[in-house]
Amino acid sequence: MKHQPLFDKIPNFSTFLELLKKHFFTVPFLVIFNTLALLILGGLSLYAKLNNQGDGVERLFSDPFNFWFPYEGLFTGISEVLWCIPVAICAFTFGLLRQKDPRSRSAIFFFFSALLLGVFFLDDRFRMTLILSQLGISKKLIYLCYGSGVFLYGIKFWRYIKTTPYLPLIAAFLLFAISRFEDIIDTRSLGAHAMLEDGTKLLALLNLAMYFWHVCYQAIWRHLQQTEKPFDS
């Protein structure tokens, strides 16, 4: 009897591999990001094993949970979810619109919106401003750079923004400004500090998420209508 490889004895194993390969290579960057993530996690595991640093790796995945105060960080978690919404839908809308015309005004607007909001999200989530301030860079200088970025964004896309219900967007940036100024001012009351810094940020993110949800929905709807027109005629 001829010897058969182990994998050949498993029914439909080759078919499963072909299906797996097809799905992974169909989605752009899926293989790259999975490979990169595996290399990083593998490198961390190897480092922890060789240097007996398992507790350090565990801290990277630990949840900030307080049994006695389960509501601790509730609004912070909600803010992080709200941060992700406009970044994700702007990136998705840009990816959809660029298939028809990569240089269209709408596609460019959503690209830079995702880029700007993504930078703000990374700064807020990973405390980049705080880290840079500890390295000796003034917070006022950092906020000036962010304010300049918002100003240039507004100048560049004001004509497009005027065609949308833009009041929530303006309100969001004003609330962000109040939140950042409160971070500079030393407030004695912890409750007042939390409301002026984190409360205003939560309201800003709510308005930001609702604005881009509506604007992206309208842009995708127009894109689908224009795509269907040749088939209707």
Protein backbone atom coordinates (compact mmCIF):
# COMPACT_ATOMS: atom_id res chain seq x y z
CA MET A 1 0.00 0.00 0.00
CA LYS A 2 1.39 3.37 -1.01
CA HIS A 3 2.18 5.70 1.87
CA GLN A 4 0.03 8.86 1.94
CA PRO A 5 0.97 12.14 3.62
CA LEU A 6 -0.85 12.88 6.83
CA PHE A 7 -2.67 15.94 5.42
CA ASP A 8 -3.95 13.90 2.45
CA LYS A 9 -5.78 11.61 4.85
CA ILE A 10 -7.81 14.51 6.23
CA PRO A 11 -10.95 14.98 4.08
CA ASN A 12 -11.17 18.27 2.24
CA PHE A 13 -8.04 19.62 3.93
CA SER A 14 -6.56 20.93 0.68
CA THR A 15 -9.91 22.53 -0.18
CA PHE A 16 -9.96 24.21 3.21
CA LEU A 17 -6.44 25.59 2.66
CA GLU A 18 -7.42 26.98 -0.73
CA LEU A 19 -10.52 28.61 0.78
CA LEU A 20 -8.46 30.07 3.62
CA LYS A 21 -5.90 31.43 1.17
CA LYS A 22 -8.61 32.92 -1.02
CA HIS A 23 -10.30 34.75 1.85
CA PHE A 24 -7.07 36.08 3.35
CA PHE A 25 -5.68 37.41 0.08
CA THR A 26 -9.02 38.90 -1.00
CA VAL A 27 -9.07 41.46 1.82
CA PRO A 28 -6.31 44.09 1.33
CA PHE A 29 -3.53 44.09 3.93
CA LEU A 30 -5.13 41.22 5.90
CA VAL A 31 -2.07 38.98 5.59
CA ILE A 32 0.33 41.85 6.28
CA PHE A 33 -1.38 43.02 9.46
CA ASN A 34 -1.91 39.48 10.78
CA THR A 35 1.74 38.62 10.12
CA LEU A 36 2.90 41.84 11.78
CA ALA A 37 0.69 41.23 14.82
CA LEU A 38 1.96 37.65 15.17
CA LEU A 39 5.58 38.80 14.93
CA ILE A 40 5.03 41.46 17.62
CA LEU A 41 3.22 39.07 19.96
CA GLY A 42 5.78 36.34 19.32
CA GLY A 43 8.63 38.76 19.98
CA LEU A 44 7.03 39.90 23.24
CA SER A 45 6.49 36.29 24.33
CA LEU A 46 10.10 35.41 23.57
CA TYR A 47 11.35 38.50 25.41
CA ALA A 48 9.19 37.71 28.45
CA LYS A 49 10.41 34.11 28.48
CA LEU A 50 14.12 34.96 28.20
CA ASN A 51 14.04 37.86 30.67
CA ASN A 52 11.39 36.58 33.07
CA GLN A 53 9.16 39.56 32.31
CA GLY A 54 5.79 37.84 32.15
CA ASP A 55 4.23 40.36 34.53
CA GLY A 56 5.29 43.20 32.21
CA VAL A 57 3.54 41.56 29.25
CA GLU A 58 0.48 40.94 31.41
CA ARG A 59 0.22 44.66 32.12
CA LEU A 60 -0.14 45.32 28.40
CA PHE A 61 -3.42 43.37 28.41
CA SER A 62 -4.71 44.21 31.89
CA ASP A 63 -8.10 45.89 32.26
CA PRO A 64 -8.48 48.93 34.55
CA PHE A 65 -11.21 47.39 36.69
CA ASN A 66 -12.20 48.27 40.25
CA PHE A 67 -14.48 45.71 41.93
CA TRP A 68 -15.78 48.20 44.49
CA PHE A 69 -16.45 50.89 41.87
CA PRO A 70 -17.54 49.08 38.69
CA TYR A 71 -18.58 52.41 37.15
CA GLU A 72 -15.01 53.69 37.33
CA GLY A 73 -13.88 54.83 33.88
CA LEU A 74 -17.37 54.37 32.38
CA PHE A 75 -17.41 57.68 30.51
CA THR A 76 -13.80 57.21 29.48
CA GLY A 77 -14.73 53.92 27.80
CA ILE A 78 -17.72 55.54 26.09
CA SER A 79 -15.48 58.36 24.85
CA GLU A 80 -13.05 55.85 23.33
CA VAL A 81 -15.89 54.12 21.50
CA LEU A 82 -17.18 57.47 20.21
CA TRP A 83 -13.64 58.35 19.06
CA CYS A 84 -13.51 55.24 16.87
CA ILE A 85 -16.85 55.86 15.12
CA PRO A 86 -15.98 58.97 13.03
CA VAL A 87 -12.46 57.70 12.27
CA ALA A 88 -13.77 54.34 11.05
CA ILE A 89 -16.69 55.62 8.98
CA CYS A 90 -14.62 58.41 7.39
CA ALA A 91 -11.94 55.88 6.39
CA PHE A 92 -14.60 53.52 5.06
CA THR A 93 -16.35 56.28 3.10
CA PHE A 94 -13.05 57.41 1.60
CA GLY A 95 -12.26 53.83 0.54
CA LEU A 96 -15.65 53.57 -1.14
CA LEU A 97 -15.61 56.95 -2.91
CA ARG A 98 -12.03 56.67 -4.14
CA GLN A 99 -12.98 53.69 -6.30
CA LYS A 100 -14.90 56.05 -8.57
CA ASP A 101 -12.74 59.18 -8.34
CA PRO A 102 -9.77 59.28 -5.91
CA ARG A 103 -9.41 63.05 -6.41
CA SER A 104 -13.04 63.97 -5.81
CA ARG A 105 -13.69 66.66 -3.22
CA SER A 106 -15.72 64.28 -1.06
CA ALA A 107 -13.07 61.56 -1.05
CA ILE A 108 -10.29 64.01 -0.13
CA PHE A 109 -12.47 65.53 2.61
CA PHE A 110 -13.12 62.15 4.24
CA PHE A 111 -9.47 61.12 3.91
CA PHE A 112 -8.18 64.19 5.77
CA SER A 113 -11.04 63.96 8.27
CA ALA A 114 -10.04 60.38 9.11
CA LEU A 115 -6.37 61.42 9.28
CA LEU A 116 -6.99 64.42 11.56
CA LEU A 117 -9.38 62.58 13.87
CA GLY A 118 -7.07 59.57 13.91
CA VAL A 119 -4.18 61.72 15.17
CA PHE A 120 -6.42 63.19 17.89
CA PHE A 121 -7.61 59.73 18.88
CA LEU A 122 -4.08 58.34 19.14
CA ASP A 123 -3.03 61.34 21.20
CA ASP A 124 -5.97 60.91 23.56
CA ARG A 125 -5.73 57.13 23.85
CA PHE A 126 -1.97 56.82 24.29
CA ARG A 127 -1.48 60.13 26.17
CA MET A 128 1.01 61.43 23.62
CA THR A 129 0.65 65.05 24.80
CA LEU A 130 1.35 64.00 28.37
CA ILE A 131 4.40 62.00 27.33
CA LEU A 132 5.79 64.85 25.23
CA SER A 133 5.19 67.33 28.06
CA GLN A 134 7.17 65.09 30.39
CA LEU A 135 10.01 65.24 27.87
CA GLY A 136 10.08 69.03 28.15
CA ILE A 137 7.81 70.05 25.25
CA SER A 138 5.28 72.67 26.30
CA LYS A 139 1.62 71.65 26.17
CA LYS A 140 0.79 75.08 24.79
CA LEU A 141 3.06 74.43 21.81
CA ILE A 142 1.44 71.04 21.20
CA TYR A 143 -2.05 72.53 21.39
CA LEU A 144 -0.95 75.31 19.05
CA CYS A 145 0.09 72.66 16.50
CA TYR A 146 -3.24 70.89 16.86
CA GLY A 147 -5.12 74.17 16.60
CA SER A 148 -3.19 75.05 13.45
CA GLY A 149 -4.09 71.68 11.97
CA VAL A 150 -7.79 72.24 12.68
CA PHE A 151 -7.58 75.77 11.24
CA LEU A 152 -5.95 74.58 8.01
CA TYR A 153 -8.49 71.75 7.79
CA GLY A 154 -11.33 74.26 8.11
CA ILE A 155 -9.85 76.62 5.52
CA LYS A 156 -9.24 73.81 3.04
CA PHE A 157 -12.67 72.21 3.26
CA TRP A 158 -14.93 75.08 4.30
CA ARG A 159 -16.73 75.12 0.93
CA TYR A 160 -17.57 71.46 1.31
CA ILE A 161 -18.45 71.75 4.99
CA LYS A 162 -20.89 74.58 4.18
CA THR A 163 -22.94 72.13 2.11
CA THR A 164 -23.47 69.94 5.20
CA PRO A 165 -25.27 70.55 8.53
CA TYR A 166 -22.02 71.79 10.02
CA LEU A 167 -23.14 73.20 13.40
CA PRO A 168 -22.40 69.93 15.29
CA LEU A 169 -18.88 69.94 13.78
CA ILE A 170 -18.21 73.52 14.92
CA ALA A 171 -19.67 72.76 18.35
CA ALA A 172 -17.44 69.70 18.64
CA PHE A 173 -14.23 71.64 17.94
CA LEU A 174 -15.26 74.42 20.35
CA LEU A 175 -15.92 71.85 23.07
CA PHE A 176 -12.55 70.25 22.35
CA ALA A 177 -10.93 73.67 22.78
CA ILE A 178 -12.63 74.13 26.17
CA SER A 179 -11.48 70.67 27.21
CA ARG A 180 -7.86 71.39 26.28
CA PHE A 181 -7.82 74.82 27.95
CA GLU A 182 -9.11 73.25 31.15
CA ASP A 183 -6.16 70.88 31.03
CA ILE A 184 -3.84 73.89 31.17
CA ILE A 185 -5.74 75.71 33.95
CA ASP A 186 -5.30 74.32 37.47
CA THR A 187 -8.81 73.79 38.91
CA ARG A 188 -9.07 72.98 42.59
CA SER A 189 -12.39 71.12 42.41
CA LEU A 190 -11.93 67.60 41.05
CA GLY A 191 -15.57 67.39 39.98
CA ALA A 192 -15.44 70.69 38.12
CA HIS A 193 -12.17 69.68 36.50
CA ALA A 194 -13.64 66.36 35.34
CA MET A 195 -16.77 68.01 33.92
CA LEU A 196 -14.90 70.81 32.15
CA GLU A 197 -12.21 68.56 30.72
CA ASP A 198 -13.78 65.13 30.21
CA GLY A 199 -17.45 66.13 30.16
CA THR A 200 -16.94 68.66 27.37
CA LYS A 201 -14.84 66.10 25.48
CA LEU A 202 -17.66 63.55 25.74
CA LEU A 203 -20.15 66.07 24.32
CA ALA A 204 -17.69 66.96 21.56
CA LEU A 205 -17.26 63.33 20.58
CA LEU A 206 -21.01 62.76 20.57
CA ASN A 207 -21.53 65.68 18.17
CA LEU A 208 -18.56 64.59 16.07
CA ALA A 209 -19.81 61.01 15.74
CA MET A 210 -23.35 62.11 14.83
CA TYR A 211 -22.11 64.66 12.30
CA PHE A 212 -19.84 62.30 10.40
CA TRP A 213 -22.38 59.47 10.62
CA HIS A 214 -24.90 61.69 8.82
CA VAL A 215 -22.45 63.18 6.32
CA CYS A 216 -20.93 59.81 5.43
CA TYR A 217 -24.39 58.29 5.02
CA GLN A 218 -25.39 61.06 2.61
CA ALA A 219 -22.15 60.72 0.62
CA ILE A 220 -22.52 56.94 0.29
CA TRP A 221 -26.18 57.31 -0.71
CA ARG A 222 -25.27 59.76 -3.49
CA HIS A 223 -22.47 57.45 -4.61
CA LEU A 224 -24.85 54.50 -4.88
CA GLN A 225 -27.41 56.53 -6.80
CA GLN A 226 -24.79 57.67 -9.31
CA THR A 227 -23.54 54.09 -9.69
CA GLU A 228 -27.02 52.76 -10.42
CA LYS A 229 -27.91 55.39 -13.04
CA PRO A 230 -26.20 53.67 -16.03
CA PHE A 231 -28.14 50.49 -15.30
CA ASP A 232 -31.48 52.33 -15.12
CA SER A 233 -31.10 53.97 -18.52
